[in-house]
Amino acid sequence: MRRSLLQDSKHVDDDKPERVENKIIDVYERHIDTVYRICFSMTGNRQDAEDIAQTVFITLMESKQRFMSAEHEKAWLIVTAKNKCIDLHRKWWKKKVVQFDSSEMEWFGANTIQHSEIEDTLRKLPSTHRLLLYLHYYEGYKLKEIATMLNINLNTVKTKMRSAKKRLRLEIGDDFHG
């Protein structure tokens, strides 16, 4: 298992500001694509996804969070991104339909059908369903890992995945096998 650059240490206070900054830059470069894709899948547009991804890393810097492993680091960033997206949707000025910017993201497993068909269908799904599909199919997490990461009951994750895949199948047709 890889170690996080921002790992627990008894000598945290000994880190020079330049070293901490370099570590955060390394974490940013390693995880920005994942954080952005999660934000994009939940918000449906590039501008909000960029803003939230930036906010996630600002939160990381302000929290001075330390991680036990690279997986813990990635999981923390994913959960923080999800929570920031939910916070954005709660704001009163976001209570409207958001256009999904299909040119910005290439979706998983679309060899046999058009990307635009998948994107149109995914746009109709709730953001939590899009997040679960993204984490499972694109990031490769197992359902149990997703449940642990998002602090959701495993059976709830299974039910939501089943529901999301069923809606995709109905919209796309029999050619889609999930």
Protein backbone atom coordinates (compact mmCIF):
# COMPACT_ATOMS: atom_id res chain seq x y z
CA MET A 1 0.00 0.00 0.00
CA ARG A 2 1.34 3.42 -0.92
CA ARG A 3 1.90 5.93 1.84
CA SER A 4 0.28 9.33 1.74
CA LEU A 5 2.54 12.32 1.42
CA LEU A 6 0.43 13.97 4.11
CA GLN A 7 0.79 11.13 6.58
CA ASP A 8 0.53 11.08 10.34
CA SER A 9 3.78 12.02 11.93
CA LYS A 10 4.97 12.75 15.43
CA HIS A 11 7.04 15.56 13.99
CA VAL A 12 4.32 17.44 12.13
CA ASP A 13 5.44 20.75 13.64
CA ASP A 14 8.94 20.18 12.27
CA ASP A 15 7.71 20.33 8.65
CA LYS A 16 8.85 23.51 7.01
CA PRO A 17 6.16 25.50 5.15
CA GLU A 18 7.90 24.80 1.82
CA ARG A 19 7.76 21.02 2.42
CA VAL A 20 4.07 21.16 3.37
CA GLU A 21 3.34 23.24 0.26
CA ASN A 22 5.21 20.75 -1.94
CA LYS A 23 3.30 17.85 -0.36
CA ILE A 24 -0.04 19.56 -1.01
CA ILE A 25 0.99 20.26 -4.61
CA ASP A 26 1.85 16.57 -5.02
CA VAL A 27 -1.51 15.52 -3.56
CA TYR A 28 -3.26 18.02 -5.85
CA GLU A 29 -1.51 16.75 -8.97
CA ARG A 30 -2.22 13.14 -8.04
CA HIS A 31 -5.93 13.57 -7.28
CA ILE A 32 -7.27 16.63 -9.13
CA ASP A 33 -8.60 14.56 -12.04
CA THR A 34 -10.57 12.27 -9.75
CA VAL A 35 -11.92 15.13 -7.64
CA TYR A 36 -12.89 17.10 -10.75
CA ARG A 37 -14.67 14.12 -12.33
CA ILE A 38 -16.65 13.47 -9.16
CA CYS A 39 -17.63 17.12 -8.93
CA PHE A 40 -18.53 17.18 -12.62
CA SER A 41 -20.61 14.03 -12.37
CA MET A 42 -22.57 15.49 -9.47
CA THR A 43 -22.98 19.09 -10.68
CA GLY A 44 -23.28 18.52 -14.41
CA ASN A 45 -21.28 21.54 -15.51
CA ARG A 46 -17.66 22.54 -15.79
CA GLN A 47 -17.77 25.83 -13.90
CA ASP A 48 -19.30 24.43 -10.73
CA ALA A 49 -17.05 21.36 -10.89
CA GLU A 50 -13.94 23.55 -11.13
CA ASP A 51 -15.10 25.76 -8.25
CA ILE A 52 -15.87 22.82 -6.00
CA ALA A 53 -12.65 20.96 -6.87
CA GLN A 54 -10.72 24.09 -5.91
CA THR A 55 -12.71 24.35 -2.67
CA VAL A 56 -11.90 20.73 -1.81
CA PHE A 57 -8.16 21.40 -1.95
CA ILE A 58 -8.53 24.66 -0.05
CA THR A 59 -10.38 22.68 2.62
CA LEU A 60 -7.51 20.20 2.66
CA MET A 61 -4.97 22.97 3.22
CA GLU A 62 -7.05 24.64 5.93
CA SER A 63 -7.76 21.40 7.76
CA LYS A 64 -4.12 20.32 7.97
CA GLN A 65 -5.51 16.79 7.62
CA ARG A 66 -3.02 13.95 7.94
CA PHE A 67 -3.56 10.56 6.31
CA MET A 68 -2.47 7.05 7.13
CA SER A 69 -2.25 5.92 3.49
CA ALA A 70 -2.77 7.08 -0.07
CA GLU A 71 -6.16 5.32 -0.12
CA HIS A 72 -7.25 7.20 3.02
CA GLU A 73 -6.13 10.42 1.37
CA LYS A 74 -8.11 9.67 -1.82
CA ALA A 75 -11.20 8.59 0.13
CA TRP A 76 -11.12 11.80 2.19
CA LEU A 77 -10.92 13.89 -0.97
CA ILE A 78 -13.79 11.97 -2.62
CA VAL A 79 -16.07 12.32 0.41
CA THR A 80 -15.19 16.00 0.77
CA ALA A 81 -15.94 16.58 -2.93
CA LYS A 82 -19.29 14.79 -2.58
CA ASN A 83 -20.20 16.86 0.47
CA LYS A 84 -19.21 20.14 -1.20
CA CYS A 85 -21.38 19.24 -4.22
CA ILE A 86 -24.32 18.51 -1.93
CA ASP A 87 -23.74 21.83 -0.17
CA LEU A 88 -23.84 23.63 -3.52
CA HIS A 89 -27.14 21.99 -4.45
CA ARG A 90 -28.63 23.08 -1.12
CA LYS A 91 -27.98 26.74 -1.82
CA TRP A 92 -31.14 28.59 -2.74
CA TRP A 93 -29.80 29.99 -6.03
CA LYS A 94 -28.99 26.50 -7.31
CA LYS A 95 -32.59 25.27 -7.11
CA LYS A 96 -32.80 25.05 -10.90
CA VAL A 97 -31.94 22.58 -13.64
CA VAL A 98 -28.27 22.65 -14.60
CA GLN A 99 -27.14 22.00 -18.14
CA PHE A 100 -24.83 19.00 -18.37
CA ASP A 101 -21.71 19.93 -20.35
CA SER A 102 -21.24 16.71 -22.31
CA SER A 103 -18.13 17.86 -24.17
CA GLU A 104 -16.09 18.05 -20.96
CA MET A 105 -16.16 14.46 -19.77
CA GLU A 106 -15.78 11.11 -21.40
CA TRP A 107 -17.93 8.47 -19.73
CA PHE A 108 -17.01 4.89 -19.00
CA GLY A 109 -17.87 1.80 -21.05
CA ALA A 110 -19.40 3.54 -24.03
CA ASN A 111 -17.86 1.48 -26.82
CA THR A 112 -21.12 0.13 -28.22
CA ILE A 113 -23.33 3.19 -27.81
CA GLN A 114 -22.89 6.90 -28.38
CA HIS A 115 -21.37 8.97 -25.58
CA SER A 116 -24.14 11.54 -25.96
CA GLU A 117 -26.79 8.86 -25.30
CA ILE A 118 -25.11 7.92 -22.03
CA GLU A 119 -24.58 11.53 -21.05
CA ASP A 120 -28.22 12.39 -21.75
CA THR A 121 -29.36 9.42 -19.70
CA LEU A 122 -26.93 10.11 -16.85
CA ARG A 123 -28.13 13.69 -16.71
CA LYS A 124 -31.57 12.35 -15.79
CA LEU A 125 -30.24 10.38 -12.82
CA PRO A 126 -29.97 11.86 -9.34
CA SER A 127 -26.47 13.08 -8.51
CA THR A 128 -25.98 10.36 -5.90
CA HIS A 129 -26.67 7.70 -8.54
CA ARG A 130 -24.20 9.34 -10.91
CA LEU A 131 -21.60 9.40 -8.11
CA LEU A 132 -22.08 5.72 -7.31
CA LEU A 133 -21.83 4.73 -10.98
CA TYR A 134 -18.72 6.85 -11.40
CA LEU A 135 -16.97 5.45 -8.32
CA HIS A 136 -17.81 1.86 -9.22
CA TYR A 137 -17.24 1.79 -12.98
CA TYR A 138 -14.69 4.54 -13.56
CA GLU A 139 -12.66 4.53 -10.33
CA GLY A 140 -13.04 0.77 -9.84
CA TYR A 141 -14.22 0.77 -6.23
CA LYS A 142 -16.13 -2.25 -4.94
CA LEU A 143 -19.61 -1.61 -3.54
CA LYS A 144 -18.40 -2.38 0.00
CA GLU A 145 -15.60 0.19 -0.38
CA ILE A 146 -18.07 2.79 -1.66
CA ALA A 147 -20.39 2.12 1.28
CA THR A 148 -17.53 2.56 3.74
CA MET A 149 -16.17 5.65 1.99
CA LEU A 150 -19.53 7.43 1.80
CA ASN A 151 -20.71 6.13 5.18
CA ILE A 152 -23.78 4.52 3.62
CA ASN A 153 -25.23 1.09 4.38
CA LEU A 154 -23.97 -1.52 1.89
CA ASN A 155 -27.53 -2.59 1.07
CA THR A 156 -28.44 1.04 0.32
CA VAL A 157 -25.51 1.26 -2.09
CA LYS A 158 -26.59 -1.98 -3.77
CA THR A 159 -30.18 -0.76 -4.06
CA LYS A 160 -29.16 2.61 -5.50
CA MET A 161 -26.77 0.95 -7.97
CA ARG A 162 -29.47 -1.47 -9.06
CA SER A 163 -31.93 1.39 -9.48
CA ALA A 164 -29.45 3.52 -11.43
CA LYS A 165 -28.51 0.63 -13.75
CA LYS A 166 -32.16 -0.22 -14.29
CA ARG A 167 -32.94 3.37 -15.27
CA LEU A 168 -29.95 3.40 -17.62
CA ARG A 169 -31.07 0.12 -19.21
CA LEU A 170 -34.60 1.40 -19.71
CA GLU A 171 -33.41 4.63 -21.27
CA ILE A 172 -30.65 3.20 -23.45
CA GLY A 173 -32.28 -0.07 -24.39
CA ASP A 174 -31.28 -3.73 -24.50
CA ASP A 175 -27.80 -3.08 -25.94
CA PHE A 176 -26.54 -1.90 -22.53
CA HIS A 177 -25.38 -4.66 -20.19
CA GLY A 178 -24.42 -3.50 -16.69
